[in-house]
């Protein structure tokens, strides 16, 4: 099972994610939220809130309870081998 090991904010609503298989990818939070709606996604319109992300048990989460599956994020990211 794939896990997220690290998340770094790159700017412009994008996070760099480091996965347990040695790959890294860029996840565009704003692009993801543009085609979805809901009260847990609304705070992600703010860069300040995006930066509050954390990794819990290999998943990407935020203080409001939103958690995104590492498997789904792996599919959504443009992947490259981690340096």
N, C-alpha and C. Protein backbone atom coordinates (compact mmCIF):
# COMPACT_ATOMS: atom_id res chain seq x y z
N UNK A 1 0.84 -1.18 0.00
CA UNK A 1 0.00 0.00 0.00
C UNK A 1 0.89 1.25 0.00
N UNK A 2 0.59 2.17 -0.90
CA UNK A 2 1.36 3.40 -1.03
C UNK A 2 1.02 4.36 0.11
N UNK A 3 2.02 5.08 0.59
CA UNK A 3 1.82 6.08 1.63
C UNK A 3 2.53 7.37 1.23
N UNK A 4 2.05 8.47 1.78
CA UNK A 4 2.72 9.75 1.61
C UNK A 4 3.68 9.90 2.79
N UNK A 5 4.91 10.24 2.50
CA UNK A 5 5.91 10.41 3.54
C UNK A 5 6.14 11.87 3.90
N UNK A 6 5.94 12.75 2.90
CA UNK A 6 6.25 14.17 3.10
C UNK A 6 5.43 15.02 2.15
N UNK A 7 5.07 16.21 2.60
CA UNK A 7 4.35 17.18 1.77
C UNK A 7 5.01 18.54 1.95
N UNK A 8 5.33 19.19 0.84
CA UNK A 8 5.95 20.51 0.88
C UNK A 8 5.17 21.46 -0.02
N UNK A 9 4.86 22.65 0.53
CA UNK A 9 4.12 23.63 -0.26
C UNK A 9 5.06 24.30 -1.25
N UNK A 10 4.67 24.31 -2.53
CA UNK A 10 5.49 24.90 -3.60
C UNK A 10 5.04 26.30 -4.00
N UNK A 11 3.81 26.67 -3.65
CA UNK A 11 3.24 27.94 -4.09
C UNK A 11 2.17 27.70 -5.13
N UNK A 12 1.35 28.72 -5.37
CA UNK A 12 0.28 28.65 -6.37
C UNK A 12 -0.66 27.46 -6.18
N UNK A 13 -0.91 27.09 -4.95
CA UNK A 13 -1.86 26.01 -4.65
C UNK A 13 -1.32 24.62 -4.89
N UNK A 14 -0.01 24.47 -5.04
CA UNK A 14 0.58 23.16 -5.34
C UNK A 14 1.40 22.61 -4.17
N UNK A 15 1.27 21.31 -3.96
CA UNK A 15 2.05 20.58 -2.96
C UNK A 15 2.93 19.56 -3.66
N UNK A 16 4.17 19.47 -3.23
CA UNK A 16 5.02 18.37 -3.66
C UNK A 16 4.83 17.25 -2.65
N UNK A 17 4.49 16.06 -3.13
CA UNK A 17 4.27 14.90 -2.27
C UNK A 17 5.36 13.87 -2.53
N UNK A 18 5.94 13.34 -1.46
CA UNK A 18 6.92 12.27 -1.55
C UNK A 18 6.22 10.99 -1.10
N UNK A 19 6.26 9.97 -1.95
CA UNK A 19 5.55 8.72 -1.69
C UNK A 19 6.52 7.63 -1.23
N UNK A 20 5.97 6.61 -0.61
CA UNK A 20 6.76 5.54 -0.01
C UNK A 20 7.49 4.67 -1.03
N UNK A 21 7.15 4.76 -2.29
CA UNK A 21 7.84 3.96 -3.31
C UNK A 21 9.00 4.71 -3.96
N UNK A 22 9.35 5.88 -3.39
CA UNK A 22 10.46 6.65 -3.91
C UNK A 22 10.10 7.63 -5.01
N UNK A 23 8.82 7.75 -5.30
CA UNK A 23 8.36 8.70 -6.31
C UNK A 23 7.92 10.00 -5.63
N UNK A 24 7.97 11.07 -6.41
CA UNK A 24 7.44 12.35 -5.93
C UNK A 24 6.50 12.89 -7.00
N UNK A 25 5.54 13.66 -6.56
CA UNK A 25 4.59 14.22 -7.51
C UNK A 25 4.12 15.59 -7.05
N UNK A 26 3.59 16.34 -7.97
CA UNK A 26 3.03 17.66 -7.66
C UNK A 26 1.51 17.54 -7.73
N UNK A 27 0.86 17.92 -6.63
CA UNK A 27 -0.59 17.90 -6.53
C UNK A 27 -1.09 19.34 -6.51
N UNK A 28 -1.89 19.70 -7.52
CA UNK A 28 -2.46 21.04 -7.60
C UNK A 28 -3.79 21.05 -6.85
N UNK A 29 -3.77 21.57 -5.64
CA UNK A 29 -4.94 21.59 -4.78
C UNK A 29 -6.07 22.41 -5.40
N UNK A 30 -5.73 23.57 -5.95
CA UNK A 30 -6.76 24.43 -6.53
C UNK A 30 -7.43 23.78 -7.73
N UNK A 31 -6.66 23.12 -8.56
CA UNK A 31 -7.24 22.42 -9.70
C UNK A 31 -8.17 21.30 -9.23
N UNK A 32 -7.74 20.56 -8.23
CA UNK A 32 -8.55 19.48 -7.67
C UNK A 32 -9.88 20.02 -7.13
N UNK A 33 -9.82 21.12 -6.42
CA UNK A 33 -11.02 21.71 -5.80
C UNK A 33 -11.93 22.38 -6.81
N UNK A 34 -11.40 22.76 -7.96
CA UNK A 34 -12.22 23.48 -8.94
C UNK A 34 -13.34 22.62 -9.51
N UNK A 35 -13.20 21.31 -9.48
CA UNK A 35 -14.23 20.43 -10.02
C UNK A 35 -15.01 19.70 -8.92
N UNK A 36 -14.82 20.13 -7.68
CA UNK A 36 -15.50 19.52 -6.55
C UNK A 36 -16.00 20.61 -5.62
N UNK A 37 -16.95 20.25 -4.76
CA UNK A 37 -17.44 21.24 -3.80
C UNK A 37 -17.73 20.54 -2.48
N UNK A 38 -17.85 21.34 -1.45
CA UNK A 38 -18.16 20.82 -0.14
C UNK A 38 -17.51 21.65 0.94
N UNK A 39 -18.06 21.62 2.13
CA UNK A 39 -17.56 22.46 3.21
C UNK A 39 -16.12 22.15 3.63
N UNK A 40 -15.67 20.91 3.46
CA UNK A 40 -14.30 20.59 3.84
C UNK A 40 -13.28 21.10 2.82
N UNK A 41 -13.73 21.30 1.58
CA UNK A 41 -12.83 21.78 0.53
C UNK A 41 -12.73 23.31 0.48
N UNK A 42 -13.74 24.00 0.96
CA UNK A 42 -13.77 25.48 0.87
C UNK A 42 -12.53 26.15 1.47
N UNK A 43 -12.03 25.72 2.64
CA UNK A 43 -10.84 26.39 3.19
C UNK A 43 -9.59 26.28 2.32
N UNK A 44 -9.57 25.30 1.40
CA UNK A 44 -8.39 25.10 0.56
C UNK A 44 -8.23 26.18 -0.51
N UNK A 45 -9.16 27.11 -0.58
CA UNK A 45 -9.01 28.27 -1.47
C UNK A 45 -7.92 29.20 -0.95
N UNK A 46 -7.53 29.03 0.29
CA UNK A 46 -6.53 29.88 0.94
C UNK A 46 -5.16 29.19 0.96
N UNK A 47 -4.14 29.88 0.48
CA UNK A 47 -2.77 29.33 0.55
C UNK A 47 -2.38 29.06 2.00
N UNK A 48 -2.78 29.95 2.88
CA UNK A 48 -2.45 29.79 4.30
C UNK A 48 -3.00 28.47 4.83
N UNK A 49 -4.21 28.12 4.41
CA UNK A 49 -4.80 26.87 4.89
C UNK A 49 -4.15 25.66 4.22
N UNK A 50 -3.83 25.75 2.95
CA UNK A 50 -3.15 24.64 2.27
C UNK A 50 -1.86 24.30 3.01
N UNK A 51 -1.14 25.31 3.44
CA UNK A 51 0.13 25.13 4.14
C UNK A 51 -0.03 24.41 5.48
N UNK A 52 -1.24 24.33 5.99
CA UNK A 52 -1.49 23.66 7.28
C UNK A 52 -1.65 22.15 7.13
N UNK A 53 -1.38 21.64 5.94
CA UNK A 53 -1.52 20.20 5.71
C UNK A 53 -0.55 19.42 6.59
N UNK A 54 -0.88 18.17 6.80
CA UNK A 54 -0.01 17.27 7.56
C UNK A 54 -0.22 15.85 7.04
N UNK A 55 0.69 14.98 7.40
CA UNK A 55 0.61 13.56 7.02
C UNK A 55 0.20 12.79 8.26
N UNK A 56 -0.85 12.00 8.12
CA UNK A 56 -1.30 11.15 9.23
C UNK A 56 -1.54 9.75 8.69
N UNK A 57 -0.76 8.81 9.21
CA UNK A 57 -0.85 7.41 8.79
C UNK A 57 -0.75 7.26 7.27
N UNK A 58 0.10 8.07 6.65
CA UNK A 58 0.36 7.96 5.23
C UNK A 58 -0.60 8.71 4.32
N UNK A 59 -1.59 9.40 4.90
CA UNK A 59 -2.57 10.16 4.11
C UNK A 59 -2.34 11.66 4.33
N UNK A 60 -2.80 12.46 3.38
CA UNK A 60 -2.69 13.91 3.46
C UNK A 60 -3.94 14.46 4.13
N UNK A 61 -3.75 15.27 5.17
CA UNK A 61 -4.91 15.79 5.89
C UNK A 61 -4.76 17.26 6.26
N UNK A 62 -5.88 17.83 6.72
CA UNK A 62 -5.95 19.21 7.20
C UNK A 62 -6.71 19.24 8.52
N UNK A 63 -6.57 20.33 9.28
CA UNK A 63 -7.18 20.41 10.61
C UNK A 63 -8.71 20.28 10.63
N UNK A 64 -9.39 20.55 9.52
CA UNK A 64 -10.86 20.47 9.52
C UNK A 64 -11.38 19.04 9.36
N UNK A 65 -10.49 18.07 9.28
CA UNK A 65 -10.90 16.67 9.16
C UNK A 65 -10.81 16.12 7.75
N UNK A 66 -10.50 16.98 6.77
CA UNK A 66 -10.36 16.51 5.39
C UNK A 66 -9.12 15.62 5.30
N UNK A 67 -9.30 14.47 4.69
CA UNK A 67 -8.19 13.55 4.45
C UNK A 67 -8.30 13.03 3.03
N UNK A 68 -7.19 13.08 2.30
CA UNK A 68 -7.17 12.59 0.92
C UNK A 68 -6.31 11.33 0.85
N UNK A 69 -6.85 10.35 0.17
CA UNK A 69 -6.22 9.04 0.04
C UNK A 69 -4.89 9.13 -0.69
N UNK A 70 -3.85 8.49 -0.16
CA UNK A 70 -2.57 8.51 -0.86
C UNK A 70 -2.66 7.80 -2.22
N UNK A 71 -3.47 6.77 -2.33
CA UNK A 71 -3.62 6.07 -3.60
C UNK A 71 -4.23 6.99 -4.65
N UNK A 72 -5.27 7.73 -4.28
CA UNK A 72 -5.90 8.66 -5.23
C UNK A 72 -4.96 9.79 -5.60
N UNK A 73 -4.24 10.33 -4.62
CA UNK A 73 -3.29 11.41 -4.90
C UNK A 73 -2.18 10.92 -5.83
N UNK A 74 -1.76 9.69 -5.65
CA UNK A 74 -0.74 9.11 -6.52
C UNK A 74 -1.21 9.11 -7.97
N UNK A 75 -2.49 8.80 -8.17
CA UNK A 75 -3.07 8.81 -9.51
C UNK A 75 -3.18 10.22 -10.10
N UNK A 76 -3.42 11.20 -9.24
CA UNK A 76 -3.64 12.58 -9.69
C UNK A 76 -2.35 13.36 -9.95
N UNK A 77 -1.27 12.95 -9.34
CA UNK A 77 -0.02 13.70 -9.45
C UNK A 77 0.74 13.37 -10.72
N UNK A 78 1.48 14.38 -11.18
CA UNK A 78 2.48 14.16 -12.22
C UNK A 78 3.70 13.63 -11.48
N UNK A 79 4.09 12.39 -11.77
CA UNK A 79 5.10 11.70 -10.97
C UNK A 79 6.49 11.78 -11.57
N UNK A 80 7.47 11.80 -10.67
CA UNK A 80 8.88 11.74 -11.02
C UNK A 80 9.58 10.96 -9.92
N UNK A 81 10.73 10.39 -10.23
CA UNK A 81 11.49 9.70 -9.20
C UNK A 81 12.05 10.74 -8.25
N UNK A 82 11.96 10.45 -6.95
CA UNK A 82 12.50 11.37 -5.94
C UNK A 82 14.01 11.40 -6.06
N UNK A 83 14.56 12.58 -5.89
CA UNK A 83 16.01 12.74 -6.00
C UNK A 83 16.69 12.32 -4.71
